Amino acid sequence: MNRAVKYGILIFALALITLGIIVGEPLEVFRKAAAVCLECIGVG
């Protein structure tokens, strides 16, 4: 792959990560992960 394609993919990935952070996805992922962990140890 040439340099332009690599940078294009990088910019696209960073844009999607930024969009996910803006809409609050990290908090949702954390909530789901905490629920799974609590179910595994038998608390939730």
Protein backbone atom coordinates (compact mmCIF):
# COMPACT_ATOMS: atom_id res chain seq x y z
CA MET A 1 0.00 0.00 0.00
CA ASN A 2 1.23 3.44 -0.69
CA ARG A 3 1.57 6.16 1.90
CA ALA A 4 -1.66 7.99 0.94
CA VAL A 5 -3.79 4.89 1.52
CA LYS A 6 -2.19 4.25 4.91
CA TYR A 7 -2.79 7.82 6.05
CA GLY A 8 -6.32 7.74 4.68
CA ILE A 9 -7.14 4.63 6.71
CA LEU A 10 -5.54 6.19 9.79
CA ILE A 11 -7.58 9.39 9.45
CA PHE A 12 -10.77 7.39 8.90
CA ALA A 13 -10.10 5.26 11.99
CA LEU A 14 -9.39 8.33 14.13
CA ALA A 15 -12.60 9.95 12.89
CA LEU A 16 -14.64 6.90 13.88
CA ILE A 17 -12.97 6.73 17.30
CA THR A 18 -13.71 10.41 17.86
CA LEU A 19 -17.32 9.95 16.80
CA GLY A 20 -17.71 7.03 19.20
CA ILE A 21 -16.34 9.10 22.07
CA ILE A 22 -18.66 12.01 21.23
CA VAL A 23 -21.79 9.82 21.29
CA GLY A 24 -20.79 8.20 24.60
CA GLU A 25 -19.82 4.70 23.53
CA PRO A 26 -16.99 4.23 26.08
CA LEU A 27 -19.47 4.65 28.95
CA GLU A 28 -21.87 2.13 27.39
CA VAL A 29 -19.06 -0.39 26.88
CA PHE A 30 -17.95 0.07 30.49
CA ARG A 31 -21.51 -0.50 31.76
CA LYS A 32 -21.86 -3.70 29.77
CA ALA A 33 -18.45 -4.95 30.87
CA ALA A 34 -19.26 -4.26 34.52
CA ALA A 35 -22.57 -6.12 34.19
CA VAL A 36 -20.86 -9.15 32.65
CA CYS A 37 -18.20 -9.18 35.38
CA LEU A 38 -20.81 -8.96 38.11
CA GLU A 39 -22.75 -11.84 36.54
CA CYS A 40 -19.58 -13.94 36.38
CA ILE A 41 -18.94 -13.64 40.10
CA GLY A 42 -22.61 -14.18 40.91
CA VAL A 43 -23.49 -10.76 42.29
CA GLY A 44 -25.65 -9.40 39.47
